[in-house]
Protein backbone atom coordinates (compact mmCIF):
# COMPACT_ATOMS: atom_id res chain seq x y z
CA MET A 1 104.91 76.91 66.84
CA SER A 2 108.14 75.95 68.15
CA LYS A 3 108.67 74.23 71.28
CA LYS A 4 111.13 76.90 72.84
CA GLN A 5 107.56 78.97 72.24
CA ASN A 6 105.32 76.61 73.85
CA LYS A 7 107.81 76.40 76.75
CA VAL A 8 107.43 80.16 77.40
CA ASN A 9 104.11 79.76 77.12
CA LYS A 10 103.45 77.12 79.81
CA GLU A 11 105.61 78.84 81.89
CA ASP A 12 103.72 82.04 81.85
CA SER A 13 100.19 80.40 82.40
CA ARG A 14 101.61 78.15 85.13
CA ASN A 15 102.28 82.04 86.92
CA ILE A 16 100.12 83.34 86.25
CA ALA A 17 97.64 80.40 87.20
CA GLU A 18 99.45 80.29 90.66
CA ARG A 19 98.99 83.91 91.65
CA ASN A 20 95.66 85.38 93.19
CA TYR A 21 93.98 88.41 93.97
CA GLU A 22 95.37 90.94 95.87
CA PRO A 23 94.23 94.14 96.96
CA GLU A 24 97.31 95.92 95.36
CA ASN A 25 95.45 94.55 91.89
CA TYR A 26 93.34 97.83 91.84
CA SER A 27 95.90 99.99 91.79
CA GLY A 28 97.97 97.65 89.01
CA ASN A 29 99.13 98.69 85.38
CA THR A 30 99.47 95.17 84.51
CA GLN A 31 96.65 93.27 82.21
CA PHE A 32 96.58 90.67 84.62
CA ASP A 33 96.13 93.34 88.24
CA LYS A 34 93.41 94.94 85.79
CA GLY A 35 91.64 91.95 85.38
CA MET A 36 91.81 90.81 88.62
CA ALA A 37 90.35 93.91 90.19
CA GLU A 38 87.22 94.23 87.71
CA THR A 39 86.53 90.44 88.35
CA HIS A 40 86.90 90.55 91.92
CA GLU A 41 84.37 93.50 92.07
CA GLN A 42 82.10 91.63 89.68
CA VAL A 43 82.13 89.37 92.53
CA SER A 44 81.60 90.86 95.19
CA ASP A 45 78.36 92.63 93.48
CA ASP A 46 77.63 89.65 92.90
CA TYR A 47 77.65 87.90 96.44
CA HIS A 48 76.50 90.97 98.37
CA GLU A 49 73.07 91.87 95.95
CA GLY A 50 71.60 88.54 97.59
CA THR A 51 70.13 85.26 95.10
CA ILE A 52 69.56 85.31 91.20
CA ASP A 53 65.91 87.01 91.92
CA ARG A 54 67.20 89.38 93.61
CA LYS A 55 65.42 88.08 96.95
CA LEU A 56 67.72 88.83 99.71
CA LYS A 57 68.24 85.67 102.16
CA GLU A 58 66.80 86.05 105.44
């Protein structure tokens, strides 16, 4: 891999790492948007489900 390609990849990685979930991700067409929407849905489901043994906190 050339230094130029490596530098571009680092810049791309930095730009992606600085992004956060946005509600617009659900309607996005990029792989990043789809991944963020899916991850958000999974975390949200687990959070609302309760504890690992599926007992809701009282």
